[in-house]
Amino acid sequence: MKNYHPTNPNTLLGSEPFVSYYARNPQKEFDRIQKLAEDTKGIVMPYLNDSYVEILQVKPHDFSSDKPLIEARKWAEENLIGTYTSHIGRLDQFDYIISKTSINKYVDKTSTDKSENIFIHLSVLKVLPKIINESIEAEIHADYTKSSKGRSITNPIDKTVLIHRFYGAIKFNNNLYRIKTTIKEFRNRNNYNKPYTFEVIKIELLDSETSNNSNLVPSGPNSQGGLSTSVAKILQNVEKSYDKGKLLLEESKKSDAWDAIFRRF
């Protein structure tokens, strides 16, 4: 599990996923969280500055044709479609589904263009469920509808969906990358949660540290081996999705929003 402090395996850090998912009245709780997310321009989860994620080693993909996106789509349809369970935090798990529609989005140009390059994007695609399982939830925000100018807090909100932003870390060709995965949660509990997009961004800050393992620590319980790094490293200077100038790490230190979320516990 990625949320245990590496030097104190009895201490669970970081956020709980899908705050409305296990409520006794999930739709009512969904509505409460959605309203709070709208009012705060996004809820930033607590304890991000004290949390760790495991760094996953990702191998270069083996798609060898001159049309790797088509080959990747075919491979993903044969190997990734299905339901998954991710084990995160005190609430233990949440379920999600990868569908053919999801895969079409993953290999669409609008998605691949957001990553460092297509090659690493497709390499990450091959291990996406493992990356989700080792990522930490950082932000929840409303699903603002898309207009000709893109998505904005001035646009209408889809009241049936909440958006969750997860972040993880990988090592690829001796470089460190941050993975941001966007997961949709649906008010209708008959609909599975759905990873919508992912982005792969190089973290220049960590490259020199990786070479000598500076600020990297052994992974905690239940890990797959290797090293972990602090969430503070991978989220340095990362802003909230819809609140420009507000940094996730700074907002995570504030207690007012997340106290309202977790009061029922």
Protein backbone atom coordinates (compact mmCIF):
# COMPACT_ATOMS: atom_id res chain seq x y z
CA MET A 1 0.00 0.00 0.00
CA LYS A 2 1.29 3.38 -0.92
CA ASN A 3 -0.08 5.37 1.99
CA TYR A 4 1.97 3.86 4.81
CA HIS A 5 4.82 5.94 6.14
CA PRO A 6 7.99 4.04 5.16
CA THR A 7 9.68 4.42 8.55
CA ASN A 8 6.52 3.76 10.58
CA PRO A 9 4.51 0.96 8.98
CA ASN A 10 1.74 1.32 11.57
CA THR A 11 1.00 4.88 10.45
CA LEU A 12 -1.39 5.32 7.55
CA LEU A 13 -1.03 8.61 5.71
CA GLY A 14 -2.74 10.30 2.84
CA SER A 15 -6.30 10.49 1.71
CA GLU A 16 -9.21 8.09 1.57
CA PRO A 17 -10.56 7.47 -1.93
CA PHE A 18 -14.05 8.14 -3.19
CA VAL A 19 -15.40 9.88 -0.11
CA SER A 20 -19.04 9.21 -0.96
CA TYR A 21 -18.57 5.63 -2.04
CA TYR A 22 -19.07 3.81 1.28
CA ALA A 23 -21.64 6.09 2.87
CA ARG A 24 -24.89 4.63 4.24
CA ASN A 25 -26.78 6.97 1.92
CA PRO A 26 -24.31 7.25 -0.99
CA GLN A 27 -26.37 9.47 -3.27
CA LYS A 28 -27.02 11.97 -0.51
CA GLU A 29 -23.34 11.91 0.40
CA PHE A 30 -22.41 12.27 -3.28
CA ASP A 31 -24.55 15.42 -3.48
CA ARG A 32 -22.95 16.83 -0.33
CA ILE A 33 -19.42 16.28 -1.60
CA GLN A 34 -20.28 17.63 -5.03
CA LYS A 35 -21.66 20.84 -3.51
CA LEU A 36 -18.56 21.22 -1.35
CA ALA A 37 -16.31 20.60 -4.36
CA GLU A 38 -18.19 23.25 -6.33
CA ASP A 39 -18.03 25.79 -3.48
CA THR A 40 -14.28 25.30 -2.94
CA LYS A 41 -13.35 25.01 -6.64
CA GLY A 42 -12.06 21.55 -5.83
CA ILE A 43 -11.43 19.65 -2.60
CA VAL A 44 -7.75 18.94 -1.92
CA MET A 45 -7.15 15.85 0.17
CA PRO A 46 -5.32 16.00 3.52
CA TYR A 47 -1.81 14.83 4.48
CA LEU A 48 -0.38 14.96 0.97
CA ASN A 49 2.80 16.54 2.34
CA ASP A 50 3.37 13.54 4.64
CA SER A 51 2.47 10.76 2.19
CA TYR A 52 4.52 8.50 -0.03
CA VAL A 53 3.89 6.64 -3.28
CA GLU A 54 5.81 3.69 -4.63
CA ILE A 55 7.86 4.28 -7.75
CA LEU A 56 6.92 1.69 -10.35
CA GLN A 57 9.46 0.54 -12.92
CA VAL A 58 7.89 0.75 -16.38
CA LYS A 59 9.42 -1.02 -19.38
CA PRO A 60 9.30 0.37 -22.94
CA HIS A 61 6.32 -0.96 -24.85
CA ASP A 62 6.80 -3.62 -27.50
CA PHE A 63 4.40 -2.32 -30.15
CA SER A 64 6.50 -2.69 -33.28
CA SER A 65 4.26 -1.74 -36.19
CA ASP A 66 4.36 1.59 -38.02
CA LYS A 67 0.95 2.38 -36.48
CA PRO A 68 1.56 1.96 -32.74
CA LEU A 69 -1.68 3.64 -31.67
CA ILE A 70 -3.77 1.16 -33.64
CA GLU A 71 -1.69 -1.73 -32.31
CA ALA A 72 -1.97 -0.38 -28.76
CA ARG A 73 -5.74 -0.05 -29.05
CA LYS A 74 -6.06 -3.66 -30.19
CA TRP A 75 -3.78 -4.91 -27.40
CA ALA A 76 -5.68 -2.93 -24.77
CA GLU A 77 -9.05 -4.20 -25.95
CA GLU A 78 -7.76 -7.75 -25.60
CA ASN A 79 -5.93 -7.29 -22.28
CA LEU A 80 -7.27 -4.32 -20.28
CA ILE A 81 -11.06 -4.38 -20.65
CA GLY A 82 -12.65 -5.50 -17.39
CA THR A 83 -13.32 -4.58 -13.77
CA TYR A 84 -10.59 -3.88 -11.24
CA THR A 85 -10.24 -3.33 -7.52
CA SER A 86 -7.74 -0.79 -6.23
CA HIS A 87 -6.60 -1.10 -2.60
CA ILE A 88 -6.12 2.29 -1.03
CA GLY A 89 -6.24 3.54 2.55
CA ARG A 90 -8.36 2.71 5.57
CA LEU A 91 -11.47 2.06 3.48
CA ASP A 92 -9.43 -0.64 1.76
CA GLN A 93 -10.67 -0.56 -1.81
CA PHE A 94 -12.72 0.86 -4.64
CA ASP A 95 -13.82 -0.77 -7.88
CA TYR A 96 -13.51 0.62 -11.38
CA ILE A 97 -13.97 -0.50 -14.95
CA ILE A 98 -11.89 -0.10 -18.11
CA SER A 99 -14.13 -0.29 -21.17
CA LYS A 100 -13.64 -0.09 -24.91
CA THR A 101 -14.76 3.54 -24.73
CA SER A 102 -12.08 4.19 -22.09
CA ILE A 103 -9.38 2.67 -24.30
CA ASN A 104 -10.45 4.79 -27.27
CA LYS A 105 -9.92 7.84 -25.06
CA TYR A 106 -6.50 6.65 -23.83
CA VAL A 107 -5.12 6.38 -27.37
CA ASP A 108 -6.85 9.48 -28.73
CA LYS A 109 -4.58 12.32 -29.83
CA THR A 110 -6.16 14.69 -27.28
CA SER A 111 -4.89 12.34 -24.55
CA THR A 112 -1.50 11.36 -25.94
CA ASP A 113 -0.61 15.01 -26.62
CA LYS A 114 -0.82 15.75 -22.88
CA SER A 115 1.90 13.23 -22.07
CA GLU A 116 5.65 13.68 -22.49
CA ASN A 117 5.54 11.69 -25.72
CA ILE A 118 3.50 8.91 -27.33
CA PHE A 119 6.13 6.24 -26.63
CA ILE A 120 6.01 6.61 -22.86
CA HIS A 121 2.24 7.14 -22.93
CA LEU A 122 1.74 3.74 -24.57
CA SER A 123 4.28 2.14 -22.24
CA VAL A 124 2.25 3.36 -19.27
CA LEU A 125 -0.96 2.11 -20.90
CA LYS A 126 0.32 -1.46 -20.62
CA VAL A 127 0.52 -1.22 -16.80
CA LEU A 128 -2.20 1.34 -16.09
CA PRO A 129 -4.08 -0.74 -13.43
CA LYS A 130 -0.82 -1.20 -11.47
CA ILE A 131 -0.19 2.54 -11.58
CA ILE A 132 -3.70 3.35 -10.37
CA ASN A 133 -3.22 0.90 -7.51
CA GLU A 134 -0.05 2.71 -6.42
CA SER A 135 -1.36 6.26 -6.83
CA ILE A 136 -2.78 8.63 -4.24
CA GLU A 137 -5.94 10.69 -4.53
CA ALA A 138 -5.12 14.40 -4.39
CA GLU A 139 -8.19 16.33 -5.55
CA ILE A 140 -11.93 16.03 -6.11
CA HIS A 141 -13.78 18.52 -8.28
CA ALA A 142 -17.06 18.94 -10.09
CA ASP A 143 -17.44 17.81 -13.69
CA TYR A 144 -17.61 21.08 -15.62
CA THR A 145 -19.11 20.62 -19.06
CA LYS A 146 -16.96 21.38 -22.09
CA SER A 147 -17.65 24.36 -24.33
CA SER A 148 -15.88 25.67 -27.42
CA LYS A 149 -13.43 27.38 -25.04
CA GLY A 150 -12.80 24.25 -23.00
CA ARG A 151 -13.81 23.49 -19.40
CA SER A 152 -14.28 26.31 -16.91
CA ILE A 153 -15.88 26.90 -13.51
CA THR A 154 -18.28 29.25 -15.30
CA ASN A 155 -19.66 26.32 -17.33
CA PRO A 156 -22.61 24.19 -16.17
CA ILE A 157 -21.89 21.14 -14.00
CA ASP A 158 -22.83 17.55 -14.73
CA LYS A 159 -24.59 16.70 -11.47
CA THR A 160 -24.27 12.96 -12.09
CA VAL A 161 -20.45 12.84 -11.95
CA LEU A 162 -17.58 13.66 -9.56
CA ILE A 163 -14.01 13.89 -10.82
CA HIS A 164 -11.11 12.43 -8.82
CA ARG A 165 -7.46 13.22 -9.59
CA PHE A 166 -4.91 10.57 -8.63
CA TYR A 167 -1.13 10.93 -8.81
CA GLY A 168 1.59 8.30 -8.94
CA ALA A 169 5.27 8.00 -9.88
CA ILE A 170 7.16 5.79 -12.32
CA LYS A 171 10.76 5.28 -13.38
CA PHE A 172 11.25 4.92 -17.12
CA ASN A 173 14.67 4.80 -18.81
CA ASN A 174 16.25 6.08 -15.57
CA ASN A 175 14.01 9.16 -15.45
CA LEU A 176 11.18 9.93 -13.01
CA TYR A 177 7.69 10.76 -14.25
CA ARG A 178 4.49 11.85 -12.56
CA ILE A 179 1.31 10.08 -13.64
CA LYS A 180 -1.98 11.94 -13.27
CA THR A 181 -5.05 9.74 -13.67
CA THR A 182 -8.53 11.24 -13.88
CA ILE A 183 -11.24 8.94 -12.53
CA LYS A 184 -14.97 9.53 -12.82
CA GLU A 185 -17.31 8.59 -9.97
CA PHE A 186 -21.00 8.33 -10.83
CA ARG A 187 -23.96 9.29 -8.66
CA ASN A 188 -25.78 6.23 -9.97
CA ARG A 189 -24.20 3.46 -7.92
CA ASN A 190 -25.01 0.93 -10.62
CA ASN A 191 -22.31 2.58 -12.74
CA TYR A 192 -18.70 1.62 -12.09
CA ASN A 193 -16.06 4.27 -11.47
CA LYS A 194 -14.10 4.84 -14.67
CA PRO A 195 -10.51 6.01 -15.30
CA TYR A 196 -11.09 8.65 -17.96
CA THR A 197 -7.62 9.90 -18.94
CA PHE A 198 -4.01 9.72 -17.82
CA GLU A 199 -1.02 11.99 -18.38
CA VAL A 200 2.72 11.24 -18.09
CA ILE A 201 4.90 14.22 -17.14
CA LYS A 202 8.68 14.18 -16.56
CA ILE A 203 9.78 15.39 -13.11
CA GLU A 204 13.09 17.18 -13.64
CA LEU A 205 13.36 17.85 -9.93
CA LEU A 206 13.76 14.17 -9.09
CA ASP A 207 16.23 13.10 -11.76
CA SER A 208 19.38 13.88 -9.79
CA GLU A 209 17.88 12.38 -6.64
CA THR A 210 17.07 9.16 -8.45
CA SER A 211 20.65 8.64 -9.54
CA ASN A 212 21.88 8.46 -5.95
CA ASN A 213 18.59 7.47 -4.25
CA SER A 214 18.53 10.77 -2.36
CA ASN A 215 15.16 11.38 -0.68
CA LEU A 216 13.96 7.95 -1.87
CA VAL A 217 13.05 5.39 0.76
CA PRO A 218 12.24 1.67 0.90
CA SER A 219 8.60 0.99 0.10
CA GLY A 220 6.13 0.16 2.87
CA PRO A 221 4.06 -2.96 3.61
CA ASN A 222 2.46 -4.88 0.73
CA SER A 223 4.66 -3.13 -1.83
CA GLN A 224 6.02 -4.76 -4.96
CA GLY A 225 9.55 -3.87 -3.92
CA GLY A 226 11.73 -0.97 -4.99
CA LEU A 227 11.62 2.58 -3.68
CA SER A 228 9.03 5.16 -2.72
CA THR A 229 9.14 8.92 -2.96
CA SER A 230 7.24 11.59 -1.11
CA VAL A 231 4.08 12.99 -2.63
CA ALA A 232 5.50 16.43 -1.84
CA LYS A 233 8.23 15.76 -4.41
CA ILE A 234 5.95 14.72 -7.24
CA LEU A 235 3.36 17.44 -6.58
CA GLN A 236 5.72 20.36 -6.17
CA ASN A 237 4.25 23.43 -7.93
CA VAL A 238 1.19 21.48 -9.15
CA GLU A 239 -1.92 23.69 -9.08
CA LYS A 240 -5.53 22.80 -8.42
CA SER A 241 -7.38 21.93 -11.60
CA TYR A 242 -9.82 24.87 -11.53
CA ASP A 243 -8.33 27.31 -9.02
CA LYS A 244 -5.34 28.91 -10.70
CA GLY A 245 -2.51 29.89 -8.39
CA LYS A 246 -3.61 27.54 -5.60
CA LEU A 247 -1.06 24.77 -5.07
CA LEU A 248 -2.18 21.29 -4.06
CA LEU A 249 0.44 20.93 -1.35
CA GLU A 250 -0.42 24.25 0.29
CA GLU A 251 -4.15 23.63 0.11
CA SER A 252 -3.65 20.15 1.59
CA LYS A 253 -2.40 21.75 4.82
CA LYS A 254 -5.71 23.52 5.37
CA SER A 255 -8.28 21.76 7.51
CA ASP A 256 -11.59 23.48 6.81
CA ALA A 257 -12.63 21.66 3.63
CA TRP A 258 -11.51 18.15 4.47
CA ASP A 259 -12.78 18.38 8.07
CA ALA A 260 -16.24 18.78 6.54
CA ILE A 261 -15.70 15.64 4.48
CA PHE A 262 -14.49 13.35 7.24
CA ARG A 263 -16.68 14.53 10.09
CA ARG A 264 -18.86 11.45 9.80
CA PHE A 265 -15.93 9.21 10.73
